[in-house]
PDB file of all heavy atoms in Angstrom:
ATOM      1  N   PHE A   1      -2.835   1.020  -2.008  1.00  0.00           N
ATOM      2  CA  PHE A   1      -2.378   0.270  -0.840  1.00  0.00           C
ATOM      3  C   PHE A   1      -2.575  -1.231  -1.014  1.00  0.00           C
ATOM      4  O   PHE A   1      -1.716  -2.012  -0.607  1.00  0.00           O
ATOM      5  CB  PHE A   1      -3.050   0.761   0.439  1.00  0.00           C
ATOM      6  CG  PHE A   1      -2.300   1.861   1.100  1.00  0.00           C
ATOM      7  CD1 PHE A   1      -2.593   3.182   0.813  1.00  0.00           C
ATOM      8  CD2 PHE A   1      -1.271   1.592   1.980  1.00  0.00           C
ATOM      9  CE1 PHE A   1      -1.888   4.206   1.405  1.00  0.00           C
ATOM     10  CE2 PHE A   1      -0.553   2.612   2.580  1.00  0.00           C
ATOM     11  CZ  PHE A   1      -0.859   3.921   2.289  1.00  0.00           C
ATOM     12  N   LEU A   2      -3.677  -1.648  -1.592  1.00  0.00           N
ATOM     13  CA  LEU A   2      -3.900  -3.082  -1.795  1.00  0.00           C
ATOM     14  C   LEU A   2      -2.815  -3.670  -2.697  1.00  0.00           C
ATOM     15  O   LEU A   2      -2.293  -4.747  -2.426  1.00  0.00           O
ATOM     16  CB  LEU A   2      -5.293  -3.333  -2.371  1.00  0.00           C
ATOM     17  CG  LEU A   2      -6.454  -3.016  -1.418  1.00  0.00           C
ATOM     18  CD1 LEU A   2      -7.790  -3.202  -2.126  1.00  0.00           C
ATOM     19  CD2 LEU A   2      -6.370  -3.847  -0.152  1.00  0.00           C
ATOM     20  N   ARG A   3      -2.450  -2.945  -3.737  1.00  0.00           N
ATOM     21  CA  ARG A   3      -1.370  -3.401  -4.624  1.00  0.00           C
ATOM     22  C   ARG A   3      -0.018  -3.402  -3.908  1.00  0.00           C
ATOM     23  O   ARG A   3       0.776  -4.323  -4.063  1.00  0.00           O
ATOM     24  CB  ARG A   3      -1.296  -2.530  -5.871  1.00  0.00           C
ATOM     25  CG  ARG A   3      -2.450  -2.747  -6.811  1.00  0.00           C
ATOM     26  CD  ARG A   3      -2.386  -1.758  -7.962  1.00  0.00           C
ATOM     27  NE  ARG A   3      -3.623  -1.761  -8.701  1.00  0.00           N
ATOM     28  CZ  ARG A   3      -3.729  -2.162  -9.943  1.00  0.00           C
ATOM     29  NH1 ARG A   3      -2.663  -2.583 -10.606  1.00  0.00           N
ATOM     30  NH2 ARG A   3      -4.883  -2.133 -10.558  1.00  0.00           N
ATOM     31  N   LEU A   4       0.226  -2.363  -3.125  1.00  0.00           N
ATOM     32  CA  LEU A   4       1.485  -2.270  -2.396  1.00  0.00           C
ATOM     33  C   LEU A   4       1.612  -3.407  -1.381  1.00  0.00           C
ATOM     34  O   LEU A   4       2.671  -4.027  -1.266  1.00  0.00           O
ATOM     35  CB  LEU A   4       1.587  -0.910  -1.690  1.00  0.00           C
ATOM     36  CG  LEU A   4       2.889  -0.630  -0.954  1.00  0.00           C
ATOM     37  CD1 LEU A   4       4.039  -0.479  -1.938  1.00  0.00           C
ATOM     38  CD2 LEU A   4       2.753   0.618  -0.105  1.00  0.00           C
ATOM     39  N   ILE A   5       0.541  -3.718  -0.692  1.00  0.00           N
ATOM     40  CA  ILE A   5       0.558  -4.807   0.293  1.00  0.00           C
ATOM     41  C   ILE A   5       0.770  -6.142  -0.423  1.00  0.00           C
ATOM     42  O   ILE A   5       1.520  -6.997   0.059  1.00  0.00           O
ATOM     43  CB  ILE A   5      -0.746  -4.825   1.126  1.00  0.00           C
ATOM     44  CG1 ILE A   5      -0.911  -3.525   1.908  1.00  0.00           C
ATOM     45  CG2 ILE A   5      -0.808  -6.038   2.041  1.00  0.00           C
ATOM     46  CD1 ILE A   5       0.201  -3.203   2.861  1.00  0.00           C
ATOM     47  N   ASP A   6       0.147  -6.325  -1.577  1.00  0.00           N
ATOM     48  CA  ASP A   6       0.374  -7.545  -2.364  1.00  0.00           C
ATOM     49  C   ASP A   6       1.845  -7.675  -2.743  1.00  0.00           C
ATOM     50  O   ASP A   6       2.434  -8.743  -2.634  1.00  0.00           O
ATOM     51  CB  ASP A   6      -0.482  -7.555  -3.635  1.00  0.00           C
ATOM     52  CG  ASP A   6      -1.910  -7.984  -3.379  1.00  0.00           C
ATOM     53  OD1 ASP A   6      -2.196  -8.501  -2.281  1.00  0.00           O
ATOM     54  OD2 ASP A   6      -2.744  -7.797  -4.288  1.00  0.00           O
ATOM     55  N   GLU A   7       2.447  -6.573  -3.206  1.00  0.00           N
ATOM     56  CA  GLU A   7       3.877  -6.552  -3.550  1.00  0.00           C
ATOM     57  C   GLU A   7       4.725  -6.951  -2.355  1.00  0.00           C
ATOM     58  O   GLU A   7       5.633  -7.772  -2.457  1.00  0.00           O
ATOM     59  CB  GLU A   7       4.308  -5.122  -3.929  1.00  0.00           C
ATOM     60  CG  GLU A   7       4.312  -4.794  -5.368  1.00  0.00           C
ATOM     61  CD  GLU A   7       4.753  -3.340  -5.557  1.00  0.00           C
ATOM     62  OE1 GLU A   7       5.732  -2.876  -4.915  1.00  0.00           O
ATOM     63  OE2 GLU A   7       4.097  -2.659  -6.366  1.00  0.00           O
ATOM     64  N   ARG A   8       4.424  -6.349  -1.220  1.00  0.00           N
ATOM     65  CA  ARG A   8       5.210  -6.591  -0.008  1.00  0.00           C
ATOM     66  C   ARG A   8       5.062  -8.028   0.472  1.00  0.00           C
ATOM     67  O   ARG A   8       5.997  -8.598   1.024  1.00  0.00           O
ATOM     68  CB  ARG A   8       4.798  -5.627   1.098  1.00  0.00           C
ATOM     69  CG  ARG A   8       5.144  -4.184   0.780  1.00  0.00           C
ATOM     70  CD  ARG A   8       4.638  -3.258   1.858  1.00  0.00           C
ATOM     71  NE  ARG A   8       5.527  -3.205   2.992  1.00  0.00           N
ATOM     72  CZ  ARG A   8       6.639  -2.486   3.061  1.00  0.00           C
ATOM     73  NH1 ARG A   8       7.017  -1.760   2.037  1.00  0.00           N
ATOM     74  NH2 ARG A   8       7.375  -2.491   4.137  1.00  0.00           N
ATOM     75  N   SER A   9       3.898  -8.619   0.289  1.00  0.00           N
ATOM     76  CA  SER A   9       3.671  -9.983   0.766  1.00  0.00           C
ATOM     77  C   SER A   9       4.527 -10.994   0.004  1.00  0.00           C
ATOM     78  O   SER A   9       4.822 -12.072   0.521  1.00  0.00           O
ATOM     79  CB  SER A   9       2.190 -10.354   0.693  1.00  0.00           C
ATOM     80  OG  SER A   9       1.758 -10.416  -0.634  1.00  0.00           O
ATOM     81  N   LEU A  10       4.950 -10.635  -1.205  1.00  0.00           N
ATOM     82  CA  LEU A  10       5.847 -11.510  -1.952  1.00  0.00           C
ATOM     83  C   LEU A  10       7.231 -11.549  -1.312  1.00  0.00           C
ATOM     84  O   LEU A  10       7.922 -12.559  -1.376  1.00  0.00           O
ATOM     85  CB  LEU A  10       5.955 -11.059  -3.411  1.00  0.00           C
ATOM     86  CG  LEU A  10       4.677 -11.130  -4.238  1.00  0.00           C
ATOM     87  CD1 LEU A  10       4.909 -10.494  -5.609  1.00  0.00           C
ATOM     88  CD2 LEU A  10       4.200 -12.558  -4.368  1.00  0.00           C
ATOM     89  N   GLN A  11       7.638 -10.448  -0.697  1.00  0.00           N
ATOM     90  CA  GLN A  11       8.951 -10.362  -0.060  1.00  0.00           C
ATOM     91  C   GLN A  11       8.915 -10.788   1.402  1.00  0.00           C
ATOM     92  O   GLN A  11       9.867 -11.345   1.919  1.00  0.00           O
ATOM     93  CB  GLN A  11       9.481  -8.923  -0.141  1.00  0.00           C
ATOM     94  CG  GLN A  11       9.645  -8.425  -1.545  1.00  0.00           C
ATOM     95  CD  GLN A  11       9.842  -6.921  -1.578  1.00  0.00           C
ATOM     96  OE1 GLN A  11       9.852  -6.255  -0.557  1.00  0.00           O
ATOM     97  NE2 GLN A  11       9.990  -6.376  -2.767  1.00  0.00           N
ATOM     98  N   ASP A  12       7.801 -10.491   2.070  1.00  0.00           N
ATOM     99  CA  ASP A  12       7.681 -10.765   3.503  1.00  0.00           C
ATOM    100  C   ASP A  12       6.244 -11.185   3.784  1.00  0.00           C
ATOM    101  O   ASP A  12       5.382 -10.344   4.028  1.00  0.00           O
ATOM    102  CB  ASP A  12       8.035  -9.506   4.296  1.00  0.00           C
ATOM    103  CG  ASP A  12       7.867  -9.675   5.800  1.00  0.00           C
ATOM    104  OD1 ASP A  12       7.706 -10.819   6.259  1.00  0.00           O
ATOM    105  OD2 ASP A  12       7.887  -8.653   6.509  1.00  0.00           O
ATOM    106  N   CYS A  13       6.000 -12.484   3.742  1.00  0.00           N
ATOM    107  CA  CYS A  13       4.619 -12.970   3.854  1.00  0.00           C
ATOM    108  C   CYS A  13       3.981 -12.610   5.198  1.00  0.00           C
ATOM    109  O   CYS A  13       2.784 -12.418   5.280  1.00  0.00           O
ATOM    110  CB  CYS A  13       4.542 -14.458   3.581  1.00  0.00           C
ATOM    111  SG  CYS A  13       5.632 -15.445   4.619  1.00  0.00           S
ATOM    112  N   GLY A  14       4.736 -12.483   6.269  1.00  0.00           N
ATOM    113  CA  GLY A  14       4.171 -12.129   7.566  1.00  0.00           C
ATOM    114  C   GLY A  14       3.923 -10.647   7.730  1.00  0.00           C
ATOM    115  O   GLY A  14       3.087 -10.240   8.532  1.00  0.00           O
ATOM    116  N   GLY A  15       4.636  -9.829   6.967  1.00  0.00           N
ATOM    117  CA  GLY A  15       4.513  -8.380   7.106  1.00  0.00           C
ATOM    118  C   GLY A  15       3.157  -7.848   6.697  1.00  0.00           C
ATOM    119  O   GLY A  15       2.638  -6.918   7.313  1.00  0.00           O
ATOM    120  N   ALA A  16       2.550  -8.443   5.681  1.00  0.00           N
ATOM    121  CA  ALA A  16       1.271  -7.950   5.180  1.00  0.00           C
ATOM    122  C   ALA A  16       0.171  -8.049   6.225  1.00  0.00           C
ATOM    123  O   ALA A  16      -0.653  -7.147   6.351  1.00  0.00           O
ATOM    124  CB  ALA A  16       0.879  -8.701   3.914  1.00  0.00           C
ATOM    125  N   GLU A  17       0.155  -9.120   6.991  1.00  0.00           N
ATOM    126  CA  GLU A  17      -0.905  -9.276   8.003  1.00  0.00           C
ATOM    127  C   GLU A  17      -0.688  -8.344   9.196  1.00  0.00           C
ATOM    128  O   GLU A  17      -1.607  -8.111   9.974  1.00  0.00           O
ATOM    129  CB  GLU A  17      -0.998 -10.721   8.470  1.00  0.00           C
ATOM    130  CG  GLU A  17       0.179 -11.188   9.289  1.00  0.00           C
ATOM    131  CD  GLU A  17       0.086 -12.659   9.658  1.00  0.00           C
ATOM    132  OE1 GLU A  17      -0.525 -13.431   8.910  1.00  0.00           O
ATOM    133  OE2 GLU A  17       0.647 -13.011  10.702  1.00  0.00           O
ATOM    134  N   ARG A  18       0.487  -7.785   9.323  1.00  0.00           N
ATOM    135  CA  ARG A  18       0.766  -6.838  10.405  1.00  0.00           C
ATOM    136  C   ARG A  18       0.274  -5.430  10.085  1.00  0.00           C
ATOM    137  O   ARG A  18       0.290  -4.552  10.942  1.00  0.00           O
ATOM    138  CB  ARG A  18       2.265  -6.801  10.700  1.00  0.00           C
ATOM    139  CG  ARG A  18       2.767  -8.126  11.276  1.00  0.00           C
ATOM    140  CD  ARG A  18       4.275  -8.141  11.421  1.00  0.00           C
ATOM    141  NE  ARG A  18       4.752  -7.044  12.251  1.00  0.00           N
ATOM    142  CZ  ARG A  18       5.958  -6.498  12.115  1.00  0.00           C
ATOM    143  NH1 ARG A  18       6.799  -6.937  11.200  1.00  0.00           N
ATOM    144  NH2 ARG A  18       6.334  -5.519  12.902  1.00  0.00           N
ATOM    145  N   ILE A  19      -0.189  -5.211   8.842  1.00  0.00           N
ATOM    146  CA  ILE A  19      -0.653  -3.887   8.416  1.00  0.00           C
ATOM    147  C   ILE A  19      -2.170  -3.903   8.274  1.00  0.00           C
ATOM    148  O   ILE A  19      -2.718  -4.700   7.524  1.00  0.00           O
ATOM    149  CB  ILE A  19      -0.010  -3.482   7.074  1.00  0.00           C
ATOM    150  CG1 ILE A  19       1.512  -3.493   7.181  1.00  0.00           C
ATOM    151  CG2 ILE A  19      -0.505  -2.108   6.645  1.00  0.00           C
ATOM    152  CD1 ILE A  19       2.229  -3.331   5.852  1.00  0.00           C
ATOM    153  N   ALA A  20      -2.843  -3.013   9.000  1.00  0.00           N
ATOM    154  CA  ALA A  20      -4.295  -2.857   8.913  1.00  0.00           C
ATOM    155  C   ALA A  20      -4.590  -1.572   8.138  1.00  0.00           C
ATOM    156  O   ALA A  20      -4.123  -0.497   8.522  1.00  0.00           O
ATOM    157  CB  ALA A  20      -4.910  -2.796  10.301  1.00  0.00           C
ATOM    158  N   ILE A  21      -5.341  -1.696   7.066  1.00  0.00           N
ATOM    159  CA  ILE A  21      -5.663  -0.553   6.210  1.00  0.00           C
ATOM    160  C   ILE A  21      -7.138  -0.187   6.401  1.00  0.00           C
ATOM    161  O   ILE A  21      -8.005  -1.046   6.291  1.00  0.00           O
ATOM    162  CB  ILE A  21      -5.434  -0.898   4.716  1.00  0.00           C
ATOM    163  CG1 ILE A  21      -4.037  -1.450   4.484  1.00  0.00           C
ATOM    164  CG2 ILE A  21      -5.750   0.286   3.821  1.00  0.00           C
ATOM    165  CD1 ILE A  21      -2.941  -0.453   4.501  1.00  0.00           C
ATOM    166  N   ASP A  22      -7.416   1.070   6.677  1.00  0.00           N
ATOM    167  CA  ASP A  22      -8.791   1.562   6.776  1.00  0.00           C
ATOM    168  C   ASP A  22      -8.913   2.781   5.863  1.00  0.00           C
ATOM    169  O   ASP A  22      -8.808   3.926   6.314  1.00  0.00           O
ATOM    170  CB  ASP A  22      -9.134   1.911   8.219  1.00  0.00           C
ATOM    171  CG  ASP A  22     -10.598   2.314   8.382  1.00  0.00           C
ATOM    172  OD1 ASP A  22     -11.383   2.150   7.418  1.00  0.00           O
ATOM    173  OD2 ASP A  22     -10.949   2.814   9.468  1.00  0.00           O
ATOM    174  N   ILE A  23      -9.082   2.482   4.577  1.00  0.00           N
ATOM    175  CA  ILE A  23      -9.196   3.534   3.562  1.00  0.00           C
ATOM    176  C   ILE A  23     -10.451   3.244   2.755  1.00  0.00           C
ATOM    177  O   ILE A  23     -10.537   2.193   2.113  1.00  0.00           O
ATOM    178  CB  ILE A  23      -7.966   3.571   2.634  1.00  0.00           C
ATOM    179  CG1 ILE A  23      -6.697   3.823   3.446  1.00  0.00           C
ATOM    180  CG2 ILE A  23      -8.136   4.642   1.558  1.00  0.00           C
ATOM    181  CD1 ILE A  23      -5.421   3.727   2.635  1.00  0.00           C
ATOM    182  N   PRO A  24     -11.432   4.135   2.779  1.00  0.00           N
ATOM    183  CA  PRO A  24     -12.652   3.904   2.002  1.00  0.00           C
ATOM    184  C   PRO A  24     -12.357   3.823   0.500  1.00  0.00           C
ATOM    185  O   PRO A  24     -11.406   4.452   0.003  1.00  0.00           O
ATOM    186  CB  PRO A  24     -13.515   5.126   2.308  1.00  0.00           C
ATOM    187  CG  PRO A  24     -12.922   5.736   3.535  1.00  0.00           C
ATOM    188  CD  PRO A  24     -11.473   5.373   3.538  1.00  0.00           C
ATOM    189  N   ALA A  25     -13.173   3.064  -0.198  1.00  0.00           N
ATOM    190  CA  ALA A  25     -13.041   2.974  -1.656  1.00  0.00           C
ATOM    191  C   ALA A  25     -13.223   4.365  -2.261  1.00  0.00           C
ATOM    192  O   ALA A  25     -13.907   5.220  -1.700  1.00  0.00           O
ATOM    193  CB  ALA A  25     -14.087   2.012  -2.209  1.00  0.00           C
ATOM    194  N   ALA A  26     -12.596   4.566  -3.399  1.00  0.00           N
ATOM    195  CA  ALA A  26     -12.691   5.807  -4.174  1.00  0.00           C
ATOM    196  C   ALA A  26     -12.129   7.026  -3.446  1.00  0.00           C
ATOM    197  O   ALA A  26     -12.554   8.142  -3.683  1.00  0.00           O
ATOM    198  CB  ALA A  26     -14.132   6.065  -4.620  1.00  0.00           C
ATOM    199  N   THR A  27     -11.163   6.818  -2.567  1.00  0.00           N
ATOM    200  CA  THR A  27     -10.463   7.937  -1.929  1.00  0.00           C
ATOM    201  C   THR A  27      -9.331   8.339  -2.866  1.00  0.00           C
ATOM    202  O   THR A  27      -8.363   7.609  -3.030  1.00  0.00           O
ATOM    203  CB  THR A  27      -9.897   7.530  -0.552  1.00  0.00           C
ATOM    204  OG1 THR A  27     -10.963   7.089   0.280  1.00  0.00           O
ATOM    205  CG2 THR A  27      -9.181   8.693   0.099  1.00  0.00           C
ATOM    206  N   GLN A  28      -9.479   9.489  -3.500  1.00  0.00           N
ATOM    207  CA  GLN A  28      -8.551   9.939  -4.526  1.00  0.00           C
ATOM    208  C   GLN A  28      -7.620  11.033  -4.007  1.00  0.00           C
ATOM    209  O   GLN A  28      -8.047  11.907  -3.258  1.00  0.00           O
ATOM    210  CB  GLN A  28      -9.327  10.519  -5.722  1.00  0.00           C
ATOM    211  CG  GLN A  28     -10.209   9.542  -6.446  1.00  0.00           C
ATOM    212  CD  GLN A  28      -9.417   8.710  -7.435  1.00  0.00           C
ATOM    213  OE1 GLN A  28      -8.523   9.211  -8.092  1.00  0.00           O
ATOM    214  NE2 GLN A  28      -9.758   7.445  -7.538  1.00  0.00           N
ATOM    215  N   VAL A  29      -6.357  10.949  -4.432  1.00  0.00           N
ATOM    216  CA  VAL A  29      -5.394  12.022  -4.188  1.00  0.00           C
ATOM    217  C   VAL A  29      -4.636  12.272  -5.489  1.00  0.00           C
ATOM    218  O   VAL A  29      -4.614  11.425  -6.378  1.00  0.00           O
ATOM    219  CB  VAL A  29      -4.389  11.672  -3.061  1.00  0.00           C
ATOM    220  CG1 VAL A  29      -5.114  11.530  -1.726  1.00  0.00           C
ATOM    221  CG2 VAL A  29      -3.585  10.443  -3.385  1.00  0.00           C
ATOM    222  N   ARG A  30      -4.035  13.430  -5.579  1.00  0.00           N
ATOM    223  CA  ARG A  30      -3.211  13.765  -6.746  1.00  0.00           C
ATOM    224  C   ARG A  30      -1.768  13.811  -6.265  1.00  0.00           C
ATOM    225  O   ARG A  30      -1.416  14.618  -5.394  1.00  0.00           O
ATOM    226  CB  ARG A  30      -3.647  15.097  -7.331  1.00  0.00           C
ATOM    227  CG  ARG A  30      -2.955  15.430  -8.628  1.00  0.00           C
ATOM    228  CD  ARG A  30      -3.881  16.254  -9.529  1.00  0.00           C
ATOM    229  NE  ARG A  30      -3.274  16.500 -10.808  1.00  0.00           N
ATOM    230  CZ  ARG A  30      -3.315  15.661 -11.840  1.00  0.00           C
ATOM    231  NH1 ARG A  30      -3.939  14.519 -11.734  1.00  0.00           N
ATOM    232  NH2 ARG A  30      -2.728  15.961 -12.981  1.00  0.00           N
ATOM    233  N   PHE A  31      -0.926  12.928  -6.859  1.00  0.00           N
ATOM    234  CA  PHE A  31       0.450  12.767  -6.385  1.00  0.00           C
ATOM    235  C   PHE A  31       1.224  12.045  -7.472  1.00  0.00           C
ATOM    236  O   PHE A  31       0.643  11.293  -8.257  1.00  0.00           O
ATOM    237  CB  PHE A  31       0.432  11.890  -5.118  1.00  0.00           C
ATOM    238  CG  PHE A  31       1.481  12.222  -4.105  1.00  0.00           C
ATOM    239  CD1 PHE A  31       1.227  13.118  -3.082  1.00  0.00           C
ATOM    240  CD2 PHE A  31       2.723  11.598  -4.128  1.00  0.00           C
ATOM    241  CE1 PHE A  31       2.177  13.402  -2.105  1.00  0.00           C
ATOM    242  CE2 PHE A  31       3.681  11.867  -3.164  1.00  0.00           C
ATOM    243  CZ  PHE A  31       3.403  12.778  -2.153  1.00  0.00           C
ATOM    244  N   ASP A  32       2.509  12.222  -7.512  1.00  0.00           N
ATOM    245  CA  ASP A  32       3.367  11.438  -8.391  1.00  0.00           C
ATOM    246  C   ASP A  32       3.410  10.009  -7.837  1.00  0.00           C
ATOM    247  O   ASP A  32       3.753   9.797  -6.671  1.00  0.00           O
ATOM    248  CB  ASP A  32       4.774  12.041  -8.408  1.00  0.00           C
ATOM    249  CG  ASP A  32       5.740  11.306  -9.303  1.00  0.00           C
ATOM    250  OD1 ASP A  32       6.119  10.160  -8.944  1.00  0.00           O
ATOM    251  OD2 ASP A  32       6.126  11.858 -10.341  1.00  0.00           O
ATOM    252  N   ARG A  33       3.045   9.020  -8.649  1.00  0.00           N
ATOM    253  CA  ARG A  33       2.927   7.631  -8.182  1.00  0.00           C
ATOM    254  C   ARG A  33       4.246   7.092  -7.624  1.00  0.00           C
ATOM    255  O   ARG A  33       4.277   6.451  -6.578  1.00  0.00           O
ATOM    256  CB  ARG A  33       2.416   6.730  -9.308  1.00  0.00           C
ATOM    257  CG  ARG A  33       2.111   5.306  -8.844  1.00  0.00           C
ATOM    258  CD  ARG A  33       1.451   4.486  -9.938  1.00  0.00           C
ATOM    259  NE  ARG A  33       0.153   5.008 -10.285  1.00  0.00           N
ATOM    260  CZ  ARG A  33      -0.979   4.677  -9.663  1.00  0.00           C
ATOM    261  NH1 ARG A  33      -0.958   3.834  -8.666  1.00  0.00           N
ATOM    262  NH2 ARG A  33      -2.121   5.197 -10.052  1.00  0.00           N
ATOM    263  N   GLY A  34       5.350   7.345  -8.292  1.00  0.00           N
ATOM    264  CA  GLY A  34       6.647   6.881  -7.821  1.00  0.00           C
ATOM    265  C   GLY A  34       7.034   7.523  -6.497  1.00  0.00           C
ATOM    266  O   GLY A  34       7.565   6.868  -5.602  1.00  0.00           O
ATOM    267  N   HIS A  35       6.744   8.813  -6.359  1.00  0.00           N
ATOM    268  CA  HIS A  35       7.033   9.514  -5.112  1.00  0.00           C
ATOM    269  C   HIS A  35       6.175   8.959  -3.980  1.00  0.00           C
ATOM    270  O   HIS A  35       6.680   8.732  -2.869  1.00  0.00           O
ATOM    271  CB  HIS A  35       6.774  11.009  -5.254  1.00  0.00           C
ATOM    272  CG  HIS A  35       7.763  11.718  -6.126  1.00  0.00           C
ATOM    273  ND1 HIS A  35       7.623  13.052  -6.440  1.00  0.00           N
ATOM    274  CD2 HIS A  35       8.890  11.303  -6.752  1.00  0.00           C
ATOM    275  CE1 HIS A  35       8.632  13.429  -7.214  1.00  0.00           C
ATOM    276  NE2 HIS A  35       9.411  12.371  -7.424  1.00  0.00           N
ATOM    277  N   LEU A  36       4.884   8.729  -4.260  1.00  0.00           N
ATOM    278  CA  LEU A  36       3.999   8.191  -3.225  1.00  0.00           C
ATOM    279  C   LEU A  36       4.464   6.805  -2.790  1.00  0.00           C
ATOM    280  O   LEU A  36       4.464   6.496  -1.598  1.00  0.00           O
ATOM    281  CB  LEU A  36       2.552   8.147  -3.721  1.00  0.00           C
ATOM    282  CG  LEU A  36       1.513   7.721  -2.686  1.00  0.00           C
ATOM    283  CD1 LEU A  36       1.499   8.680  -1.502  1.00  0.00           C
ATOM    284  CD2 LEU A  36       0.130   7.640  -3.333  1.00  0.00           C
ATOM    285  N   HIS A  37       4.892   5.998  -3.736  1.00  0.00           N
ATOM    286  CA  HIS A  37       5.394   4.663  -3.412  1.00  0.00           C
ATOM    287  C   HIS A  37       6.596   4.773  -2.471  1.00  0.00           C
ATOM    288  O   HIS A  37       6.700   4.052  -1.479  1.00  0.00           O
ATOM    289  CB  HIS A  37       5.760   3.918  -4.700  1.00  0.00           C
ATOM    290  CG  HIS A  37       6.048   2.472  -4.491  1.00  0.00           C
ATOM    291  ND1 HIS A  37       7.263   2.018  -4.034  1.00  0.00           N
ATOM    292  CD2 HIS A  37       5.273   1.377  -4.669  1.00  0.00           C
ATOM    293  CE1 HIS A  37       7.233   0.701  -3.939  1.00  0.00           C
ATOM    294  NE2 HIS A  37       6.032   0.283  -4.314  1.00  0.00           N
ATOM    295  N   ARG A  38       7.491   5.686  -2.767  1.00  0.00           N
ATOM    296  CA  ARG A  38       8.697   5.879  -1.951  1.00  0.00           C
ATOM    297  C   ARG A  38       8.344   6.347  -0.540  1.00  0.00           C
ATOM    298  O   ARG A  38       8.848   5.829   0.456  1.00  0.00           O
ATOM    299  CB  ARG A  38       9.624   6.880  -2.649  1.00  0.00           C
ATOM    300  CG  ARG A  38      10.855   7.252  -1.885  1.00  0.00           C
ATOM    301  CD  ARG A  38      11.775   6.044  -1.754  1.00  0.00           C
ATOM    302  NE  ARG A  38      12.859   6.315  -0.855  1.00  0.00           N
ATOM    303  CZ  ARG A  38      14.109   6.519  -1.226  1.00  0.00           C
ATOM    304  NH1 ARG A  38      14.428   6.452  -2.496  1.00  0.00           N
ATOM    305  NH2 ARG A  38      15.034   6.766  -0.339  1.00  0.00           N
ATOM    306  N   VAL A  39       7.449   7.330  -0.429  1.00  0.00           N
ATOM    307  CA  VAL A  39       7.050   7.879   0.870  1.00  0.00           C
ATOM    308  C   VAL A  39       6.365   6.810   1.713  1.00  0.00           C
ATOM    309  O   VAL A  39       6.727   6.575   2.867  1.00  0.00           O
ATOM    310  CB  VAL A  39       6.122   9.100   0.687  1.00  0.00           C
ATOM    311  CG1 VAL A  39       5.502   9.536   2.006  1.00  0.00           C
ATOM    312  CG2 VAL A  39       6.876  10.258   0.042  1.00  0.00           C
ATOM    313  N   VAL A  40       5.374   6.152   1.136  1.00  0.00           N
ATOM    314  CA  VAL A  40       4.597   5.152   1.865  1.00  0.00           C
ATOM    315  C   VAL A  40       5.475   3.964   2.255  1.00  0.00           C
ATOM    316  O   VAL A  40       5.387   3.461   3.384  1.00  0.00           O
ATOM    317  CB  VAL A  40       3.371   4.715   1.034  1.00  0.00           C
ATOM    318  CG1 VAL A  40       2.724   3.474   1.603  1.00  0.00           C
ATOM    319  CG2 VAL A  40       2.367   5.859   0.944  1.00  0.00           C
TER     320      VAL A  40
END
């Protein structure tokens, strides 16, 4: 999510501050990275 928000801030600098993330460190899931990017 931190990387995704960084990516998005390049396209829409105001959009990143509108998103609040509450995900503890080391929260792991097993998923296809490209699919997860598309879904999220």
